[in-house]
Amino acid sequence: MKKNADSAKLDLANRLFFRLYQCSNMLHKTGTRAVEEEGLTTQQWAVLGALSREESAHGMSVGDLARYLMVSRQNLSGLISRMERDGHLTTVADERDRRSRLVRMSESGRQLWAHDAIPKINAYYADVLTDFSVDDITHALHYLLKLLDSMKRIDEASRGGNEAAED
């Protein structure tokens, strides 16, 4: 009986993670379409969203932004460069640590975010979540956070193992 339960759980896990993969791909595809008139991608949307938070008003270091978005510094650096070139971001020396740079939304980036992107993003959310009740959204968020916590635990354990090997 346990073997059947384990097999069923693995089958469901495979289906769950495949659906997450599909959702991620569709988010990039349809989300980018939602903000493409503003010249944005979902990755840029995520960066602007992170920097629009009150606690990020003075900017974020590249490392902190990478950790918050859960992406590599290398991938984020190229994205930041393109967004800075497009006038959406600025980078300045961190007054507390001159070796570190803070990433901030530029004034035009703030205007783009608040006046152009947010209305399109809200319309996208409304469209995607048409058939979801508030309870549905709450439950989905709960389970995604639970899944994310498990993945973070695995990531931290693997990084800890790699760091120990380097010492």
C-alpha atoms as a PDB file:
ATOM      1  CA  MET A   1       0.000   0.000   0.000  1.00  0.00           C
ATOM      2  CA  LYS A   2       2.838   2.431   0.858  1.00  0.00           C
ATOM      3  CA  LYS A   3       4.441   1.771  -2.543  1.00  0.00           C
ATOM      4  CA  ASN A   4       1.209   2.760  -4.309  1.00  0.00           C
ATOM      5  CA  ALA A   5       0.918   5.919  -2.174  1.00  0.00           C
ATOM      6  CA  ASP A   6       4.550   6.842  -2.901  1.00  0.00           C
ATOM      7  CA  SER A   7       4.027   6.215  -6.608  1.00  0.00           C
ATOM      8  CA  ALA A   8       0.855   8.322  -6.643  1.00  0.00           C
ATOM      9  CA  LYS A   9       2.631  11.150  -4.775  1.00  0.00           C
ATOM     10  CA  LEU A  10       5.534  11.108  -7.263  1.00  0.00           C
ATOM     11  CA  ASP A  11       3.108  11.143 -10.183  1.00  0.00           C
ATOM     12  CA  LEU A  12       1.270  14.122  -8.700  1.00  0.00           C
ATOM     13  CA  ALA A  13       4.589  15.854  -7.966  1.00  0.00           C
ATOM     14  CA  ASN A  14       5.643  15.410 -11.585  1.00  0.00           C
ATOM     15  CA  ARG A  15       2.361  16.863 -12.789  1.00  0.00           C
ATOM     16  CA  LEU A  16       2.559  19.752 -10.289  1.00  0.00           C
ATOM     17  CA  PHE A  17       6.096  20.770 -11.233  1.00  0.00           C
ATOM     18  CA  PHE A  18       5.366  20.431 -14.941  1.00  0.00           C
ATOM     19  CA  ARG A  19       2.332  22.724 -14.523  1.00  0.00           C
ATOM     20  CA  LEU A  20       4.493  25.220 -12.599  1.00  0.00           C
ATOM     21  CA  TYR A  21       6.963  25.128 -15.468  1.00  0.00           C
ATOM     22  CA  GLN A  22       4.157  25.766 -17.954  1.00  0.00           C
ATOM     23  CA  CYS A  23       2.752  28.589 -15.799  1.00  0.00           C
ATOM     24  CA  SER A  24       6.182  30.201 -15.604  1.00  0.00           C
ATOM     25  CA  ASN A  25       6.554  30.069 -19.379  1.00  0.00           C
ATOM     26  CA  MET A  26       3.052  31.442 -19.926  1.00  0.00           C
ATOM     27  CA  LEU A  27       3.669  34.222 -17.391  1.00  0.00           C
ATOM     28  CA  HIS A  28       6.738  35.304 -19.360  1.00  0.00           C
ATOM     29  CA  LYS A  29       4.870  35.089 -22.654  1.00  0.00           C
ATOM     30  CA  THR A  30       1.514  36.665 -21.721  1.00  0.00           C
ATOM     31  CA  GLY A  31       2.918  38.977 -19.038  1.00  0.00           C
ATOM     32  CA  THR A  32       5.430  40.428 -21.468  1.00  0.00           C
ATOM     33  CA  ARG A  33       2.626  40.986 -23.984  1.00  0.00           C
ATOM     34  CA  ALA A  34       0.721  42.902 -21.306  1.00  0.00           C
ATOM     35  CA  VAL A  35       3.552  45.428 -20.850  1.00  0.00           C
ATOM     36  CA  GLU A  36       5.331  45.308 -24.209  1.00  0.00           C
ATOM     37  CA  GLU A  37       3.831  48.642 -25.344  1.00  0.00           C
ATOM     38  CA  GLU A  38       5.817  50.186 -22.493  1.00  0.00           C
ATOM     39  CA  GLY A  39       8.968  48.452 -23.755  1.00  0.00           C
ATOM     40  CA  LEU A  40       9.055  46.104 -20.748  1.00  0.00           C
ATOM     41  CA  THR A  41       9.463  42.379 -20.203  1.00  0.00           C
ATOM     42  CA  THR A  42       8.320  40.369 -17.187  1.00  0.00           C
ATOM     43  CA  GLN A  43      11.886  40.453 -15.862  1.00  0.00           C
ATOM     44  CA  GLN A  44      11.944  44.249 -16.081  1.00  0.00           C
ATOM     45  CA  TRP A  45       8.475  44.346 -14.534  1.00  0.00           C
ATOM     46  CA  ALA A  46       9.842  42.330 -11.588  1.00  0.00           C
ATOM     47  CA  VAL A  47      12.808  44.681 -11.145  1.00  0.00           C
ATOM     48  CA  LEU A  48      10.618  47.795 -11.231  1.00  0.00           C
ATOM     49  CA  GLY A  49       8.151  46.143  -8.862  1.00  0.00           C
ATOM     50  CA  ALA A  50      10.917  45.309  -6.394  1.00  0.00           C
ATOM     51  CA  LEU A  51      12.308  48.844  -6.558  1.00  0.00           C
ATOM     52  CA  SER A  52       8.849  50.427  -6.220  1.00  0.00           C
ATOM     53  CA  ARG A  53       8.384  49.051  -2.700  1.00  0.00           C
ATOM     54  CA  GLU A  54       8.600  51.572   0.129  1.00  0.00           C
ATOM     55  CA  GLU A  55      11.542  49.757   1.725  1.00  0.00           C
ATOM     56  CA  SER A  56      13.468  50.154  -1.551  1.00  0.00           C
ATOM     57  CA  ALA A  57      12.925  53.910  -1.840  1.00  0.00           C
ATOM     58  CA  HIS A  58      16.650  54.615  -1.397  1.00  0.00           C
ATOM     59  CA  GLY A  59      17.648  51.821  -3.763  1.00  0.00           C
ATOM     60  CA  MET A  60      18.882  48.268  -3.401  1.00  0.00           C
ATOM     61  CA  SER A  61      22.303  46.770  -3.895  1.00  0.00           C
ATOM     62  CA  VAL A  62      22.595  44.423  -6.857  1.00  0.00           C
ATOM     63  CA  GLY A  63      23.152  41.544  -4.423  1.00  0.00           C
ATOM     64  CA  ASP A  64      20.057  42.364  -2.374  1.00  0.00           C
ATOM     65  CA  LEU A  65      17.972  42.775  -5.519  1.00  0.00           C
ATOM     66  CA  ALA A  66      19.236  39.445  -6.880  1.00  0.00           C
ATOM     67  CA  ARG A  67      18.388  37.707  -3.588  1.00  0.00           C
ATOM     68  CA  TYR A  68      14.951  39.315  -3.468  1.00  0.00           C
ATOM     69  CA  LEU A  69      14.147  38.283  -7.048  1.00  0.00           C
ATOM     70  CA  MET A  70      15.917  34.916  -6.596  1.00  0.00           C
ATOM     71  CA  VAL A  71      18.039  35.316  -9.713  1.00  0.00           C
ATOM     72  CA  SER A  72      21.790  35.252 -10.260  1.00  0.00           C
ATOM     73  CA  ARG A  73      23.776  38.469 -10.026  1.00  0.00           C
ATOM     74  CA  GLN A  74      25.110  37.764 -13.524  1.00  0.00           C
ATOM     75  CA  ASN A  75      21.634  37.618 -15.085  1.00  0.00           C
ATOM     76  CA  LEU A  76      20.527  40.666 -13.137  1.00  0.00           C
ATOM     77  CA  SER A  77      23.591  42.735 -14.099  1.00  0.00           C
ATOM     78  CA  GLY A  78      22.780  42.562 -17.808  1.00  0.00           C
ATOM     79  CA  LEU A  79      19.146  43.378 -17.147  1.00  0.00           C
ATOM     80  CA  ILE A  80      20.094  46.378 -14.988  1.00  0.00           C
ATOM     81  CA  SER A  81      22.469  47.642 -17.685  1.00  0.00           C
ATOM     82  CA  ARG A  82      19.737  47.484 -20.336  1.00  0.00           C
ATOM     83  CA  MET A  83      17.213  49.176 -18.042  1.00  0.00           C
ATOM     84  CA  GLU A  84      19.731  51.885 -17.166  1.00  0.00           C
ATOM     85  CA  ARG A  85      20.440  52.397 -20.888  1.00  0.00           C
ATOM     86  CA  ASP A  86      16.669  52.713 -21.482  1.00  0.00           C
ATOM     87  CA  GLY A  87      16.433  55.349 -18.732  1.00  0.00           C
ATOM     88  CA  HIS A  88      14.341  53.278 -16.288  1.00  0.00           C
ATOM     89  CA  LEU A  89      17.054  52.878 -13.628  1.00  0.00           C
ATOM     90  CA  THR A  90      20.057  54.654 -12.221  1.00  0.00           C
ATOM     91  CA  THR A  91      22.951  53.234 -10.233  1.00  0.00           C
ATOM     92  CA  VAL A  92      24.790  55.237  -7.605  1.00  0.00           C
ATOM     93  CA  ALA A  93      27.561  54.535  -5.142  1.00  0.00           C
ATOM     94  CA  ASP A  94      26.274  53.342  -1.772  1.00  0.00           C
ATOM     95  CA  GLU A  95      27.177  56.038   0.776  1.00  0.00           C
ATOM     96  CA  ARG A  96      27.683  53.345   3.452  1.00  0.00           C
ATOM     97  CA  ASP A  97      29.958  51.198   1.266  1.00  0.00           C
ATOM     98  CA  ARG A  98      31.579  52.949  -1.698  1.00  0.00           C
ATOM     99  CA  ARG A  99      32.447  49.587  -3.308  1.00  0.00           C
ATOM    100  CA  SER A 100      28.744  48.752  -3.556  1.00  0.00           C
ATOM    101  CA  ARG A 101      26.302  50.264  -6.037  1.00  0.00           C
ATOM    102  CA  LEU A 102      22.642  50.975  -5.342  1.00  0.00           C
ATOM    103  CA  VAL A 103      20.040  50.456  -8.043  1.00  0.00           C
ATOM    104  CA  ARG A 104      17.154  52.924  -8.082  1.00  0.00           C
ATOM    105  CA  MET A 105      14.263  53.723 -10.341  1.00  0.00           C
ATOM    106  CA  SER A 106      14.895  56.883 -12.319  1.00  0.00           C
ATOM    107  CA  GLU A 107      12.215  59.563 -12.426  1.00  0.00           C
ATOM    108  CA  SER A 108      11.149  58.377 -15.878  1.00  0.00           C
ATOM    109  CA  GLY A 109      11.167  54.787 -14.588  1.00  0.00           C
ATOM    110  CA  ARG A 110       8.839  55.836 -11.754  1.00  0.00           C
ATOM    111  CA  GLN A 111       6.529  57.555 -14.220  1.00  0.00           C
ATOM    112  CA  LEU A 112       6.552  54.527 -16.514  1.00  0.00           C
ATOM    113  CA  TRP A 113       5.831  52.202 -13.590  1.00  0.00           C
ATOM    114  CA  ALA A 114       3.089  54.222 -11.924  1.00  0.00           C
ATOM    115  CA  HIS A 115       1.257  55.626 -14.933  1.00  0.00           C
ATOM    116  CA  ASP A 116       1.802  53.124 -17.732  1.00  0.00           C
ATOM    117  CA  ALA A 117       2.810  49.703 -16.385  1.00  0.00           C
ATOM    118  CA  ILE A 118       0.667  49.378 -13.225  1.00  0.00           C
ATOM    119  CA  PRO A 119      -2.674  49.834 -15.029  1.00  0.00           C
ATOM    120  CA  LYS A 120      -1.652  47.211 -17.622  1.00  0.00           C
ATOM    121  CA  ILE A 121      -0.395  44.834 -14.916  1.00  0.00           C
ATOM    122  CA  ASN A 122      -3.605  45.224 -12.911  1.00  0.00           C
ATOM    123  CA  ALA A 123      -5.659  44.510 -16.046  1.00  0.00           C
ATOM    124  CA  TYR A 124      -3.498  41.434 -16.703  1.00  0.00           C
ATOM    125  CA  TYR A 125      -4.054  40.175 -13.139  1.00  0.00           C
ATOM    126  CA  ALA A 126      -7.810  40.738 -13.448  1.00  0.00           C
ATOM    127  CA  ASP A 127      -7.908  38.856 -16.739  1.00  0.00           C
ATOM    128  CA  VAL A 128      -5.815  35.900 -15.550  1.00  0.00           C
ATOM    129  CA  LEU A 129      -7.668  35.623 -12.230  1.00  0.00           C
ATOM    130  CA  THR A 130     -11.194  36.077 -13.632  1.00  0.00           C
ATOM    131  CA  ASP A 131     -12.331  32.649 -12.462  1.00  0.00           C
ATOM    132  CA  PHE A 132     -10.555  32.832  -9.080  1.00  0.00           C
ATOM    133  CA  SER A 133     -12.302  33.810  -5.857  1.00  0.00           C
ATOM    134  CA  VAL A 134     -10.414  35.634  -3.112  1.00  0.00           C
ATOM    135  CA  ASP A 135     -10.263  32.297  -1.277  1.00  0.00           C
ATOM    136  CA  ASP A 136      -8.816  30.599  -4.378  1.00  0.00           C
ATOM    137  CA  ILE A 137      -6.098  33.238  -4.622  1.00  0.00           C
ATOM    138  CA  THR A 138      -5.372  33.030  -0.887  1.00  0.00           C
ATOM    139  CA  HIS A 139      -5.048  29.242  -1.024  1.00  0.00           C
ATOM    140  CA  ALA A 140      -2.880  29.315  -4.159  1.00  0.00           C
ATOM    141  CA  LEU A 141      -0.594  31.903  -2.551  1.00  0.00           C
ATOM    142  CA  HIS A 142      -0.379  29.834   0.642  1.00  0.00           C
ATOM    143  CA  TYR A 143       0.706  26.706  -1.233  1.00  0.00           C
ATOM    144  CA  LEU A 144       3.130  28.557  -3.510  1.00  0.00           C
ATOM    145  CA  LEU A 145       4.786  30.140  -0.456  1.00  0.00           C
ATOM    146  CA  LYS A 146       4.986  26.731   1.205  1.00  0.00           C
ATOM    147  CA  LEU A 147       6.600  25.298  -1.939  1.00  0.00           C
ATOM    148  CA  LEU A 148       8.979  28.262  -2.187  1.00  0.00           C
ATOM    149  CA  ASP A 149      10.048  27.802   1.447  1.00  0.00           C
ATOM    150  CA  SER A 150      10.902  24.161   0.719  1.00  0.00           C
ATOM    151  CA  MET A 151      12.920  25.116  -2.355  1.00  0.00           C
ATOM    152  CA  LYS A 152      14.762  27.842  -0.402  1.00  0.00           C
ATOM    153  CA  ARG A 153      15.653  25.282   2.267  1.00  0.00           C
ATOM    154  CA  ILE A 154      17.113  22.988  -0.402  1.00  0.00           C
ATOM    155  CA  ASP A 155      18.973  25.901  -2.018  1.00  0.00           C
ATOM    156  CA  GLU A 156      20.460  27.037   1.291  1.00  0.00           C
ATOM    157  CA  ALA A 157      21.518  23.480   2.171  1.00  0.00           C
ATOM    158  CA  SER A 158      23.225  23.023  -1.188  1.00  0.00           C
ATOM    159  CA  ARG A 159      24.985  26.389  -0.966  1.00  0.00           C
ATOM    160  CA  GLY A 160      26.085  25.579   2.570  1.00  0.00           C
ATOM    161  CA  GLY A 161      27.596  22.346   1.334  1.00  0.00           C
ATOM    162  CA  ASN A 162      29.422  24.151  -1.487  1.00  0.00           C
ATOM    163  CA  GLU A 163      30.731  26.844   0.849  1.00  0.00           C
ATOM    164  CA  ALA A 164      32.010  24.225   3.272  1.00  0.00           C
ATOM    165  CA  ALA A 165      33.844  22.515   0.414  1.00  0.00           C
ATOM    166  CA  GLU A 166      35.523  25.788  -0.517  1.00  0.00           C
ATOM    167  CA  ASP A 167      36.814  26.517   2.997  1.00  0.00           C
END
